Structures are given as C-alpha cells and as structure tokens.
Amino acid sequence: MIIMKKIFVFLLGVALGIAGTVGYLHTQQMEQTPAIIEQTCDTPNSITEVYFSPSKDCENGLIKLIQNATKAIDASVYSINNTNIVNALKQAHKRGVKIRILTDRTQASGKSSKVKELRAAGIDIRVHSKHKIEHNKFGIYDGKQASTGSYNWTNPASDKNSENCVFFTDNPAVVSKYQERFEYLWKVNTQKASEEWFDNKKSIKDNT
C-alpha cells in the first residue's frame, strides 16, 4: 500500500509538471506571436519591392513613384531634406499633381529641413499637431501604389544610415489601409494648427 501511494504521488507530480510546462510554453507562444488585426492577401498581379540603404535604391524608387504620379501624392514623412526627392515633388506639383504632405514639426524646424521650401513652392504641407511625434514614413501615389519603411526622405537615409523601404504595386488592400490612415492623420493634424506654427516660426525669424 505504501509503495502504491508513493507511485501515485510520483505520477501526480509528473502530470502536474507536464501541465505546468505546457501552460508556460503556451503563454510564451502567445506573448511572442504578434496579433494579426486584419489579414490581407496580394492580388495575382501585385508587386512588392524591398530595398535597403545606405544606397540609392530607396531614393530612386521614391523618385520614380513621384515622377509617375499623374493625379495625387499623399505622404506622411518624419523628416524631409533629400534634394532629389524634393525636386521631384516640386516638378510633380508643376505638372498639376495634387500633393499633400504631413511631417513632424520638430524635424521641420531643423536647419537642413526642406519643408519650408516645399511650402514656398505651393505644395500643401502641414506640420503635425496631434501625437508626440509624427514618425511615419509612408506615401500613396494615385491611390494605386504605396511606399513605407524606416527610410526618411533625407540625404543621410540614402548615404549613411541603415534603412529599409518597401514599395507596393497593385495591392489594393495594402494601399487602401495607408490611404485610410493618411486621411485620418490629415484630419486630426489641422491646417489651422499648422499655419499657426509656420506663422510663429516666421515671426520669430523676423524678430531676430
């Protein structure tokens, strides 16, 4: 009888140990598995391009998207000072492409920023007033293509930094998600707040 009790206690301990291990592994798996809010699938003709820097690949890819746009460009970009990208945007504006850009106000204050240059060229550009920083780096082109990644629209992002960029073509599910997010950001980061920021910067400059 004593031996049977010992065997029972031993088997119970093993069972509890296994159960605990399974529970722990399940918990770990849940913690390490990212949540999928909505799953999207590529269309048969969709193209996804991935590039890395330091290199000119992201810069050239963005310029191509800008040059090929015929109707609209919407972008939310943390920092902008890349001369070639800025020139491509100004040329697109001259062609009649409707451009809306949202950028970070702190970055726009930097000496190397070309935000004021874009604004002076007549491009509809706003600095953010909602959220702590505007750290996105995505664009939508004619509602058909999208770009994203860590790549800022800057010279260092091409020449010095370790960055990535992704381009989506013929993927309506992905492009529409970025368009939807842009429309939200454009709404909550109001034109009034942005104009007040630019006016304040101009006033400070005029008084120095």
N, C-alpha and C. Protein backbone atom coordinates (compact mmCIF):
# COMPACT_ATOMS: atom_id res chain seq x y z
N MET A 1 0.82 -1.21 0.00
CA MET A 1 0.00 0.00 0.00
C MET A 1 0.86 1.26 0.00
N ILE A 2 1.90 1.28 0.84
CA ILE A 2 2.80 2.44 0.91
C ILE A 2 3.49 2.67 -0.43
N ILE A 3 3.89 1.56 -1.06
CA ILE A 3 4.54 1.67 -2.38
C ILE A 3 3.59 2.24 -3.40
N MET A 4 2.32 1.80 -3.37
CA MET A 4 1.32 2.29 -4.31
C MET A 4 1.10 3.79 -4.12
N LYS A 5 1.08 4.24 -2.85
CA LYS A 5 0.89 5.67 -2.58
C LYS A 5 2.06 6.47 -3.12
N LYS A 6 3.28 5.95 -2.96
CA LYS A 6 4.46 6.64 -3.46
C LYS A 6 4.43 6.76 -4.97
N ILE A 7 4.00 5.66 -5.62
CA ILE A 7 3.91 5.67 -7.08
C ILE A 7 2.87 6.69 -7.54
N PHE A 8 1.72 6.74 -6.81
CA PHE A 8 0.65 7.66 -7.17
C PHE A 8 1.13 9.12 -7.03
N VAL A 9 1.82 9.40 -5.93
CA VAL A 9 2.34 10.75 -5.69
C VAL A 9 3.34 11.12 -6.77
N PHE A 10 4.20 10.16 -7.13
CA PHE A 10 5.20 10.41 -8.16
C PHE A 10 4.54 10.73 -9.50
N LEU A 11 3.53 9.89 -9.89
CA LEU A 11 2.85 10.10 -11.16
C LEU A 11 2.08 11.42 -11.17
N LEU A 12 1.49 11.78 -10.02
CA LEU A 12 0.77 13.05 -9.93
C LEU A 12 1.72 14.22 -10.11
N GLY A 13 2.89 14.11 -9.52
CA GLY A 13 3.89 15.17 -9.66
C GLY A 13 4.33 15.33 -11.10
N VAL A 14 4.54 14.21 -11.78
CA VAL A 14 4.94 14.25 -13.19
C VAL A 14 3.85 14.92 -14.03
N ALA A 15 2.59 14.52 -13.75
CA ALA A 15 1.46 15.08 -14.50
C ALA A 15 1.35 16.58 -14.31
N LEU A 16 1.49 17.01 -13.06
CA LEU A 16 1.42 18.45 -12.77
C LEU A 16 2.57 19.20 -13.42
N GLY A 17 3.75 18.56 -13.42
CA GLY A 17 4.91 19.20 -14.06
C GLY A 17 4.71 19.38 -15.54
N ILE A 18 4.17 18.35 -16.20
CA ILE A 18 3.91 18.43 -17.64
C ILE A 18 2.87 19.50 -17.93
N ALA A 19 1.82 19.55 -17.13
CA ALA A 19 0.76 20.53 -17.31
C ALA A 19 1.32 21.95 -17.16
N GLY A 20 2.18 22.12 -16.15
CA GLY A 20 2.77 23.44 -15.94
C GLY A 20 3.65 23.86 -17.08
N THR A 21 4.43 22.90 -17.61
CA THR A 21 5.32 23.20 -18.73
C THR A 21 4.52 23.58 -19.97
N VAL A 22 3.45 22.81 -20.24
CA VAL A 22 2.60 23.10 -21.40
C VAL A 22 1.98 24.49 -21.26
N GLY A 23 1.50 24.80 -20.07
CA GLY A 23 0.90 26.11 -19.83
C GLY A 23 1.89 27.22 -20.02
N TYR A 24 3.14 27.02 -19.54
CA TYR A 24 4.18 28.03 -19.68
C TYR A 24 4.52 28.26 -21.15
N LEU A 25 4.68 27.15 -21.89
CA LEU A 25 5.02 27.26 -23.31
C LEU A 25 3.90 27.94 -24.08
N HIS A 26 2.64 27.62 -23.71
CA HIS A 26 1.51 28.25 -24.38
C HIS A 26 1.50 29.75 -24.13
N THR A 27 1.79 30.12 -22.88
CA THR A 27 1.85 31.54 -22.53
C THR A 27 2.95 32.23 -23.29
N GLN A 28 4.14 31.60 -23.35
CA GLN A 28 5.26 32.18 -24.08
C GLN A 28 4.94 32.36 -25.55
N GLN A 29 4.26 31.34 -26.10
CA GLN A 29 3.90 31.41 -27.52
C GLN A 29 2.94 32.56 -27.78
N MET A 30 1.99 32.76 -26.87
CA MET A 30 1.03 33.84 -27.03
C MET A 30 1.72 35.20 -26.93
N GLU A 31 2.70 35.29 -26.03
CA GLU A 31 3.40 36.56 -25.85
C GLU A 31 4.29 36.89 -27.04
N GLN A 32 4.84 35.89 -27.70
CA GLN A 32 5.78 36.11 -28.78
C GLN A 32 5.11 36.17 -30.15
N THR A 33 3.85 35.77 -30.24
CA THR A 33 3.16 35.78 -31.52
C THR A 33 2.45 37.11 -31.71
N PRO A 34 2.81 37.89 -32.74
CA PRO A 34 2.17 39.19 -32.93
C PRO A 34 0.70 39.03 -33.31
N ALA A 35 -0.10 39.95 -32.85
CA ALA A 35 -1.52 39.90 -33.17
C ALA A 35 -1.74 40.32 -34.61
N ILE A 36 -2.62 39.62 -35.29
CA ILE A 36 -2.98 39.95 -36.66
C ILE A 36 -4.34 40.62 -36.61
N ILE A 37 -4.36 41.94 -36.83
CA ILE A 37 -5.61 42.68 -36.75
C ILE A 37 -6.47 42.38 -37.96
N GLU A 38 -5.86 42.42 -39.11
CA GLU A 38 -6.58 42.11 -40.34
C GLU A 38 -5.61 41.54 -41.35
N GLN A 39 -5.93 40.42 -41.91
CA GLN A 39 -5.02 39.76 -42.84
C GLN A 39 -5.34 40.19 -44.25
N THR A 40 -4.34 40.60 -45.00
CA THR A 40 -4.54 40.99 -46.38
C THR A 40 -3.74 40.08 -47.29
N CYS A 41 -4.25 39.84 -48.47
CA CYS A 41 -3.58 38.96 -49.43
C CYS A 41 -3.23 39.74 -50.69
N ASP A 42 -2.09 39.42 -51.25
CA ASP A 42 -1.69 40.03 -52.51
C ASP A 42 -2.63 39.61 -53.62
N THR A 43 -2.85 40.51 -54.57
CA THR A 43 -3.59 40.13 -55.76
C THR A 43 -2.63 39.40 -56.69
N PRO A 44 -3.15 38.67 -57.68
CA PRO A 44 -2.26 37.89 -58.57
C PRO A 44 -1.19 38.72 -59.25
N ASN A 45 -1.49 40.01 -59.53
CA ASN A 45 -0.53 40.85 -60.25
C ASN A 45 0.24 41.80 -59.33
N SER A 46 0.10 41.64 -58.03
CA SER A 46 0.74 42.58 -57.12
C SER A 46 2.26 42.40 -57.11
N ILE A 47 2.94 43.51 -56.86
CA ILE A 47 4.40 43.51 -56.79
C ILE A 47 4.82 44.17 -55.48
N THR A 48 5.67 43.50 -54.74
CA THR A 48 6.24 44.06 -53.52
C THR A 48 7.74 44.10 -53.67
N GLU A 49 8.30 45.30 -53.55
CA GLU A 49 9.74 45.50 -53.71
C GLU A 49 10.34 45.94 -52.37
N VAL A 50 11.46 45.35 -51.99
CA VAL A 50 12.13 45.68 -50.74
C VAL A 50 13.57 46.09 -51.03
N TYR A 51 13.98 47.22 -50.46
CA TYR A 51 15.34 47.72 -50.65
C TYR A 51 15.94 48.17 -49.33
N PHE A 52 17.26 48.28 -49.32
CA PHE A 52 17.96 48.68 -48.11
C PHE A 52 18.99 49.76 -48.43
N SER A 53 19.32 50.53 -47.42
CA SER A 53 20.37 51.53 -47.56
C SER A 53 21.37 51.35 -46.43
N PRO A 54 22.58 51.95 -46.53
CA PRO A 54 22.95 53.00 -47.46
C PRO A 54 23.02 52.53 -48.92
N SER A 55 22.25 53.19 -49.74
CA SER A 55 22.27 53.01 -51.19
C SER A 55 21.29 54.02 -51.77
N LYS A 56 21.23 54.09 -53.09
CA LYS A 56 20.30 54.99 -53.75
C LYS A 56 18.99 54.29 -54.12
N ASP A 57 18.84 53.03 -53.72
CA ASP A 57 17.68 52.25 -54.15
C ASP A 57 16.36 52.84 -53.66
N CYS A 58 16.28 53.18 -52.37
CA CYS A 58 15.04 53.75 -51.83
C CYS A 58 14.77 55.11 -52.45
N GLU A 59 15.79 55.92 -52.52
CA GLU A 59 15.66 57.27 -53.11
C GLU A 59 15.17 57.18 -54.55
N ASN A 60 15.81 56.34 -55.34
CA ASN A 60 15.43 56.22 -56.75
C ASN A 60 14.02 55.65 -56.90
N GLY A 61 13.66 54.70 -56.04
CA GLY A 61 12.32 54.13 -56.08
C GLY A 61 11.26 55.16 -55.78
N LEU A 62 11.51 56.00 -54.78
CA LEU A 62 10.56 57.05 -54.42
C LEU A 62 10.44 58.09 -55.54
N ILE A 63 11.56 58.47 -56.12
CA ILE A 63 11.54 59.44 -57.20
C ILE A 63 10.74 58.90 -58.39
N LYS A 64 10.90 57.63 -58.67
CA LYS A 64 10.15 57.01 -59.77
C LYS A 64 8.64 57.06 -59.50
N LEU A 65 8.25 56.76 -58.26
CA LEU A 65 6.83 56.81 -57.91
C LEU A 65 6.29 58.23 -58.05
N ILE A 66 7.08 59.20 -57.61
CA ILE A 66 6.66 60.60 -57.69
C ILE A 66 6.56 61.04 -59.15
N GLN A 67 7.54 60.68 -59.95
CA GLN A 67 7.55 61.08 -61.36
C GLN A 67 6.42 60.44 -62.15
N ASN A 68 6.03 59.22 -61.75
CA ASN A 68 4.98 58.51 -62.48
C ASN A 68 3.57 58.91 -62.03
N ALA A 69 3.48 59.61 -60.91
CA ALA A 69 2.16 60.02 -60.42
C ALA A 69 1.55 61.06 -61.35
N THR A 70 0.26 60.94 -61.62
CA THR A 70 -0.42 61.87 -62.52
C THR A 70 -1.56 62.62 -61.84
N LYS A 71 -2.02 62.12 -60.69
CA LYS A 71 -3.19 62.74 -60.04
C LYS A 71 -2.90 63.21 -58.62
N ALA A 72 -2.40 62.31 -57.78
CA ALA A 72 -2.28 62.66 -56.36
C ALA A 72 -1.13 61.94 -55.68
N ILE A 73 -0.51 62.64 -54.74
CA ILE A 73 0.50 62.07 -53.86
C ILE A 73 0.16 62.49 -52.44
N ASP A 74 -0.03 61.53 -51.57
CA ASP A 74 -0.25 61.79 -50.15
C ASP A 74 0.87 61.12 -49.38
N ALA A 75 1.49 61.84 -48.44
CA ALA A 75 2.63 61.27 -47.71
C ALA A 75 2.68 61.78 -46.28
N SER A 76 3.05 60.91 -45.40
CA SER A 76 3.35 61.27 -44.02
C SER A 76 4.79 60.86 -43.76
N VAL A 77 5.67 61.85 -43.59
CA VAL A 77 7.10 61.58 -43.52
C VAL A 77 7.71 62.38 -42.38
N TYR A 78 8.46 61.70 -41.55
CA TYR A 78 9.07 62.31 -40.36
C TYR A 78 10.02 63.45 -40.70
N SER A 79 10.93 63.21 -41.64
CA SER A 79 11.96 64.20 -41.95
C SER A 79 12.17 64.29 -43.46
N ILE A 80 12.33 65.52 -43.97
CA ILE A 80 12.47 65.73 -45.41
C ILE A 80 13.60 66.71 -45.69
N ASN A 81 14.67 66.24 -46.32
CA ASN A 81 15.71 67.15 -46.79
C ASN A 81 16.47 66.63 -48.00
N ASN A 82 15.97 65.52 -48.58
CA ASN A 82 16.64 64.96 -49.74
C ASN A 82 16.39 65.84 -50.96
N THR A 83 17.44 66.40 -51.49
CA THR A 83 17.34 67.36 -52.59
C THR A 83 16.64 66.78 -53.81
N ASN A 84 16.99 65.55 -54.18
CA ASN A 84 16.42 64.94 -55.38
C ASN A 84 14.94 64.62 -55.21
N ILE A 85 14.56 64.15 -54.04
CA ILE A 85 13.15 63.86 -53.78
C ILE A 85 12.34 65.15 -53.75
N VAL A 86 12.89 66.18 -53.11
CA VAL A 86 12.21 67.47 -53.05
C VAL A 86 12.02 68.05 -54.45
N ASN A 87 13.03 67.97 -55.29
CA ASN A 87 12.92 68.46 -56.67
C ASN A 87 11.86 67.69 -57.45
N ALA A 88 11.80 66.38 -57.23
CA ALA A 88 10.79 65.57 -57.91
C ALA A 88 9.38 65.97 -57.46
N LEU A 89 9.22 66.28 -56.18
CA LEU A 89 7.92 66.72 -55.67
C LEU A 89 7.52 68.07 -56.27
N LYS A 90 8.47 68.98 -56.39
CA LYS A 90 8.17 70.29 -56.97
C LYS A 90 7.80 70.16 -58.45
N GLN A 91 8.48 69.27 -59.15
CA GLN A 91 8.15 69.05 -60.56
C GLN A 91 6.76 68.43 -60.70
N ALA A 92 6.43 67.51 -59.81
CA ALA A 92 5.10 66.89 -59.84
C ALA A 92 4.02 67.93 -59.58
N HIS A 93 4.29 68.83 -58.65
CA HIS A 93 3.35 69.91 -58.36
C HIS A 93 3.14 70.79 -59.59
N LYS A 94 4.20 71.09 -60.30
CA LYS A 94 4.10 71.90 -61.52
C LYS A 94 3.30 71.19 -62.60
N ARG A 95 3.33 69.85 -62.60
CA ARG A 95 2.55 69.07 -63.58
C ARG A 95 1.07 69.05 -63.23
N GLY A 96 0.72 69.55 -62.06
CA GLY A 96 -0.68 69.55 -61.66
C GLY A 96 -1.07 68.41 -60.73
N VAL A 97 -0.08 67.65 -60.25
CA VAL A 97 -0.37 66.58 -59.30
C VAL A 97 -0.75 67.20 -57.95
N LYS A 98 -1.84 66.75 -57.37
CA LYS A 98 -2.26 67.24 -56.06
C LYS A 98 -1.41 66.55 -54.98
N ILE A 99 -0.68 67.33 -54.22
CA ILE A 99 0.24 66.78 -53.22
C ILE A 99 -0.15 67.25 -51.84
N ARG A 100 -0.25 66.30 -50.91
CA ARG A 100 -0.47 66.61 -49.50
C ARG A 100 0.61 65.90 -48.69
N ILE A 101 1.31 66.65 -47.87
CA ILE A 101 2.38 66.06 -47.07
C ILE A 101 2.21 66.46 -45.61
N LEU A 102 2.29 65.49 -44.73
CA LEU A 102 2.29 65.73 -43.28
C LEU A 102 3.67 65.37 -42.76
N THR A 103 4.26 66.25 -41.96
CA THR A 103 5.59 65.99 -41.44
C THR A 103 5.68 66.38 -39.98
N ASP A 104 6.79 66.03 -39.36
CA ASP A 104 6.99 66.30 -37.94
C ASP A 104 7.46 67.74 -37.72
N ARG A 105 6.83 68.44 -36.79
CA ARG A 105 7.14 69.87 -36.59
C ARG A 105 8.55 70.10 -36.06
N THR A 106 9.03 69.18 -35.21
CA THR A 106 10.39 69.35 -34.68
C THR A 106 11.42 69.20 -35.78
N GLN A 107 11.23 68.18 -36.62
CA GLN A 107 12.15 67.98 -37.74
C GLN A 107 12.06 69.13 -38.74
N ALA A 108 10.87 69.67 -38.91
CA ALA A 108 10.69 70.78 -39.84
C ALA A 108 11.42 72.04 -39.37
N SER A 109 11.76 72.09 -38.08
CA SER A 109 12.48 73.24 -37.53
C SER A 109 13.98 73.17 -37.80
N GLY A 110 14.46 72.01 -38.21
CA GLY A 110 15.89 71.82 -38.42
C GLY A 110 16.44 72.66 -39.55
N LYS A 111 17.72 73.01 -39.46
CA LYS A 111 18.36 73.85 -40.47
C LYS A 111 18.38 73.19 -41.84
N SER A 112 18.49 71.85 -41.87
CA SER A 112 18.59 71.16 -43.15
C SER A 112 17.23 70.81 -43.75
N SER A 113 16.15 71.03 -42.99
CA SER A 113 14.82 70.66 -43.47
C SER A 113 14.43 71.47 -44.70
N LYS A 114 13.76 70.81 -45.63
CA LYS A 114 13.29 71.47 -46.84
C LYS A 114 11.76 71.63 -46.84
N VAL A 115 11.18 71.54 -45.65
CA VAL A 115 9.72 71.68 -45.53
C VAL A 115 9.26 73.06 -45.96
N LYS A 116 9.95 74.09 -45.51
CA LYS A 116 9.56 75.46 -45.88
C LYS A 116 9.76 75.70 -47.37
N GLU A 117 10.76 75.06 -47.95
CA GLU A 117 10.98 75.18 -49.40
C GLU A 117 9.82 74.58 -50.18
N LEU A 118 9.33 73.44 -49.73
CA LEU A 118 8.18 72.80 -50.38
C LEU A 118 6.93 73.67 -50.23
N ARG A 119 6.77 74.23 -49.05
CA ARG A 119 5.61 75.10 -48.80
C ARG A 119 5.68 76.34 -49.68
N ALA A 120 6.87 76.92 -49.81
CA ALA A 120 7.05 78.11 -50.64
C ALA A 120 6.77 77.80 -52.11
N ALA A 121 6.97 76.54 -52.50
CA ALA A 121 6.71 76.13 -53.89
C ALA A 121 5.23 75.93 -54.16
N GLY A 122 4.40 76.07 -53.11
CA GLY A 122 2.96 75.94 -53.29
C GLY A 122 2.39 74.58 -52.94
N ILE A 123 3.23 73.70 -52.42
CA ILE A 123 2.78 72.36 -52.05
C ILE A 123 2.06 72.41 -50.72
N ASP A 124 0.97 71.69 -50.61
CA ASP A 124 0.15 71.63 -49.39
C ASP A 124 0.85 70.75 -48.37
N ILE A 125 1.56 71.38 -47.45
CA ILE A 125 2.33 70.63 -46.46
C ILE A 125 1.97 71.11 -45.06
N ARG A 126 1.77 70.18 -44.14
CA ARG A 126 1.42 70.51 -42.77
C ARG A 126 2.44 69.90 -41.81
N VAL A 127 2.65 70.61 -40.70
CA VAL A 127 3.39 70.02 -39.59
C VAL A 127 2.37 69.45 -38.61
N HIS A 128 2.76 68.44 -37.88
CA HIS A 128 1.80 67.75 -37.03
C HIS A 128 1.47 68.54 -35.77
N SER A 129 0.26 68.34 -35.26
CA SER A 129 -0.18 68.93 -34.00
C SER A 129 -0.80 67.87 -33.09
N LYS A 130 -0.95 66.67 -33.61
CA LYS A 130 -1.52 65.55 -32.85
C LYS A 130 -0.43 64.50 -32.65
N HIS A 131 -0.43 63.87 -31.48
CA HIS A 131 0.56 62.87 -31.10
C HIS A 131 1.92 63.52 -30.80
N LYS A 132 2.73 62.80 -30.07
CA LYS A 132 4.00 63.36 -29.62
C LYS A 132 4.93 63.68 -30.79
N ILE A 133 5.12 62.71 -31.68
CA ILE A 133 5.90 62.95 -32.90
C ILE A 133 5.17 62.31 -34.08
N GLU A 134 5.44 62.80 -35.26
CA GLU A 134 4.86 62.20 -36.47
C GLU A 134 5.97 61.40 -37.14
N HIS A 135 6.05 60.12 -36.77
CA HIS A 135 7.20 59.29 -37.11
C HIS A 135 6.97 58.38 -38.31
N ASN A 136 5.85 58.53 -38.99
CA ASN A 136 5.59 57.71 -40.16
C ASN A 136 6.53 58.06 -41.31
N LYS A 137 6.67 57.12 -42.23
CA LYS A 137 7.43 57.35 -43.47
C LYS A 137 6.73 56.59 -44.59
N PHE A 138 5.51 57.01 -44.91
CA PHE A 138 4.79 56.31 -45.97
C PHE A 138 4.18 57.29 -46.96
N GLY A 139 3.93 56.78 -48.15
CA GLY A 139 3.33 57.60 -49.19
C GLY A 139 2.36 56.78 -50.03
N ILE A 140 1.38 57.47 -50.63
CA ILE A 140 0.42 56.83 -51.53
C ILE A 140 0.42 57.62 -52.84
N TYR A 141 0.45 56.92 -53.95
CA TYR A 141 0.63 57.55 -55.25
C TYR A 141 -0.52 57.15 -56.18
N ASP A 142 -1.34 58.15 -56.53
CA ASP A 142 -2.50 57.92 -57.39
C ASP A 142 -3.45 56.88 -56.82
N GLY A 143 -3.37 56.62 -55.53
CA GLY A 143 -4.24 55.64 -54.90
C GLY A 143 -3.99 54.21 -55.33
N LYS A 144 -2.87 53.98 -56.04
CA LYS A 144 -2.59 52.66 -56.59
C LYS A 144 -1.30 52.04 -56.06
N GLN A 145 -0.38 52.88 -55.63
CA GLN A 145 0.90 52.39 -55.13
C GLN A 145 1.18 53.01 -53.76
N ALA A 146 2.00 52.33 -52.98
CA ALA A 146 2.34 52.84 -51.65
C ALA A 146 3.80 52.53 -51.34
N SER A 147 4.39 53.40 -50.53
CA SER A 147 5.75 53.18 -50.05
C SER A 147 5.76 53.31 -48.54
N THR A 148 6.65 52.56 -47.89
CA THR A 148 6.77 52.64 -46.44
C THR A 148 8.15 52.13 -46.05
N GLY A 149 8.40 52.02 -44.75
CA GLY A 149 9.69 51.55 -44.26
C GLY A 149 10.29 52.52 -43.27
N SER A 150 11.52 52.29 -42.89
CA SER A 150 12.20 53.17 -41.94
C SER A 150 12.84 54.36 -42.64
N TYR A 151 12.91 54.33 -43.96
CA TYR A 151 13.61 55.33 -44.76
C TYR A 151 12.94 56.69 -44.71
N ASN A 152 13.62 57.68 -44.11
CA ASN A 152 13.17 59.07 -44.17
C ASN A 152 13.57 59.65 -45.53
N TRP A 153 12.89 60.71 -45.92
CA TRP A 153 13.19 61.33 -47.21
C TRP A 153 14.34 62.32 -47.03
N THR A 154 15.50 61.79 -46.65
CA THR A 154 16.65 62.61 -46.33
C THR A 154 17.90 62.12 -47.04
N ASN A 155 18.89 62.98 -47.12
CA ASN A 155 20.18 62.59 -47.70
C ASN A 155 20.89 61.53 -46.86
N PRO A 156 20.96 61.69 -45.53
CA PRO A 156 21.62 60.65 -44.71
C PRO A 156 20.97 59.28 -44.83
N ALA A 157 19.66 59.25 -45.06
CA ALA A 157 18.98 57.95 -45.20
C ALA A 157 19.48 57.19 -46.42
N SER A 158 19.90 57.93 -47.44
CA SER A 158 20.46 57.30 -48.65
C SER A 158 21.95 57.01 -48.50
N ASP A 159 22.67 57.95 -47.89
CA ASP A 159 24.13 57.90 -47.95
C ASP A 159 24.81 57.28 -46.73
N LYS A 160 24.16 57.33 -45.56
CA LYS A 160 24.85 56.94 -44.34
C LYS A 160 24.10 55.92 -43.48
N ASN A 161 22.79 56.03 -43.41
CA ASN A 161 22.03 55.25 -42.43
C ASN A 161 21.72 53.83 -42.91
N SER A 162 21.48 52.95 -41.95
CA SER A 162 20.97 51.61 -42.24
C SER A 162 19.46 51.68 -42.21
N GLU A 163 18.84 51.62 -43.38
CA GLU A 163 17.39 51.80 -43.51
C GLU A 163 16.78 50.73 -44.40
N ASN A 164 15.46 50.72 -44.46
CA ASN A 164 14.75 49.85 -45.40
C ASN A 164 13.57 50.59 -45.98
N CYS A 165 13.13 50.16 -47.15
CA CYS A 165 11.92 50.71 -47.76
C CYS A 165 11.19 49.58 -48.49
N VAL A 166 9.87 49.71 -48.55
CA VAL A 166 9.04 48.72 -49.21
C VAL A 166 8.07 49.44 -50.13
N PHE A 167 7.94 48.94 -51.37
CA PHE A 167 7.02 49.53 -52.35
C PHE A 167 5.96 48.49 -52.72
N PHE A 168 4.70 48.92 -52.69
CA PHE A 168 3.58 48.05 -53.04
C PHE A 168 2.92 48.55 -54.32
N THR A 169 2.74 47.66 -55.27
CA THR A 169 2.07 47.99 -56.53
C THR A 169 0.96 46.97 -56.78
N ASP A 170 -0.21 47.46 -57.20
CA ASP A 170 -1.36 46.60 -57.50
C ASP A 170 -1.74 45.73 -56.30
N ASN A 171 -1.75 46.34 -55.13
CA ASN A 171 -2.19 45.67 -53.91
C ASN A 171 -3.21 46.58 -53.22
N PRO A 172 -4.46 46.56 -53.69
CA PRO A 172 -5.48 47.49 -53.18
C PRO A 172 -5.70 47.40 -51.67
N ALA A 173 -5.59 46.21 -51.11
CA ALA A 173 -5.84 46.05 -49.67
C ALA A 173 -4.82 46.82 -48.85
N VAL A 174 -3.56 46.72 -49.24
CA VAL A 174 -2.50 47.43 -48.51
C VAL A 174 -2.58 48.93 -48.78
N VAL A 175 -2.70 49.31 -50.03
CA VAL A 175 -2.72 50.73 -50.38
C VAL A 175 -3.89 51.44 -49.70
N SER A 176 -5.06 50.80 -49.66
CA SER A 176 -6.22 51.43 -49.05
C SER A 176 -6.04 51.62 -47.54
N LYS A 177 -5.30 50.73 -46.90
CA LYS A 177 -5.01 50.88 -45.47
C LYS A 177 -4.18 52.14 -45.22
N TYR A 178 -3.16 52.34 -46.05
CA TYR A 178 -2.33 53.53 -45.91
C TYR A 178 -3.12 54.79 -46.25
N GLN A 179 -3.98 54.72 -47.27
CA GLN A 179 -4.79 55.88 -47.62
C GLN A 179 -5.74 56.23 -46.49
N GLU A 180 -6.33 55.22 -45.91
CA GLU A 180 -7.25 55.43 -44.79
C GLU A 180 -6.53 56.08 -43.60
N ARG A 181 -5.33 55.60 -43.31
CA ARG A 181 -4.57 56.18 -42.21
C ARG A 181 -4.18 57.62 -42.51
N PHE A 182 -3.78 57.89 -43.75
CA PHE A 182 -3.41 59.25 -44.11
C PHE A 182 -4.59 60.20 -43.93
N GLU A 183 -5.76 59.79 -44.39
CA GLU A 183 -6.93 60.66 -44.27
C GLU A 183 -7.22 60.98 -42.81
N TYR A 184 -7.04 60.00 -41.94
CA TYR A 184 -7.22 60.24 -40.50
C TYR A 184 -6.20 61.26 -40.00
N LEU A 185 -4.91 61.06 -40.34
CA LEU A 185 -3.86 61.96 -39.88
C LEU A 185 -4.05 63.37 -40.43
N TRP A 186 -4.49 63.48 -41.66
CA TRP A 186 -4.71 64.79 -42.27
C TRP A 186 -5.85 65.52 -41.57
N LYS A 187 -6.80 64.78 -41.10
CA LYS A 187 -7.95 65.38 -40.41
C LYS A 187 -7.59 65.87 -39.01
N VAL A 188 -6.87 65.04 -38.26
CA VAL A 188 -6.59 65.40 -36.86
C VAL A 188 -5.43 66.38 -36.72
N ASN A 189 -4.55 66.43 -37.71
CA ASN A 189 -3.48 67.43 -37.73
C ASN A 189 -3.95 68.59 -38.59
N THR A 190 -4.64 69.52 -37.98
CA THR A 190 -5.41 70.51 -38.73
C THR A 190 -4.54 71.54 -39.44
N GLN A 191 -5.12 72.10 -40.49
CA GLN A 191 -4.45 73.16 -41.24
C GLN A 191 -4.26 74.39 -40.36
N LYS A 192 -5.25 74.69 -39.53
CA LYS A 192 -5.17 75.85 -38.66
C LYS A 192 -3.96 75.78 -37.73
N ALA A 193 -3.80 74.64 -37.07
CA ALA A 193 -2.67 74.47 -36.15
C ALA A 193 -1.34 74.54 -36.89
N SER A 194 -1.31 73.99 -38.10
CA SER A 194 -0.09 74.02 -38.90
C SER A 194 0.26 75.45 -39.32
N GLU A 195 -0.74 76.20 -39.78
CA GLU A 195 -0.50 77.57 -40.21
C GLU A 195 -0.02 78.44 -39.04
N GLU A 196 -0.57 78.18 -37.88
CA GLU A 196 -0.13 78.92 -36.69
C GLU A 196 1.33 78.63 -36.38
N TRP A 197 1.73 77.40 -36.58
CA TRP A 197 3.14 77.02 -36.35
C TRP A 197 4.05 77.74 -37.33
N PHE A 198 3.69 77.73 -38.61
CA PHE A 198 4.51 78.40 -39.62
C PHE A 198 4.57 79.91 -39.36
N ASP A 199 3.43 80.50 -38.99
CA ASP A 199 3.39 81.94 -38.71
C ASP A 199 4.27 82.28 -37.52
N ASN A 200 4.24 81.42 -36.51
CA ASN A 200 5.05 81.65 -35.33
C ASN A 200 6.54 81.58 -35.66
N LYS A 201 6.91 80.61 -36.49
CA LYS A 201 8.32 80.48 -36.90
C LYS A 201 8.76 81.70 -37.70
N LYS A 202 7.88 82.20 -38.56
CA LYS A 202 8.20 83.37 -39.37
C LYS A 202 8.36 84.60 -38.48
N SER A 203 7.48 84.72 -37.48
CA SER A 203 7.53 85.86 -36.57
C SER A 203 8.83 85.87 -35.77
N ILE A 204 9.24 84.70 -35.31
CA ILE A 204 10.48 84.57 -34.55
C ILE A 204 11.68 84.98 -35.42
N LYS A 205 11.66 84.51 -36.68
CA LYS A 205 12.76 84.82 -37.59
C LYS A 205 12.82 86.32 -37.88
N ASP A 206 11.65 86.93 -38.07
CA ASP A 206 11.59 88.35 -38.40
C ASP A 206 12.07 89.23 -37.25
N ASN A 207 11.95 88.71 -36.03
CA ASN A 207 12.33 89.49 -34.85
C ASN A 207 13.75 89.22 -34.36
N THR A 208 14.47 88.38 -35.11
CA THR A 208 15.86 88.08 -34.70
C THR A 208 16.85 88.88 -35.53
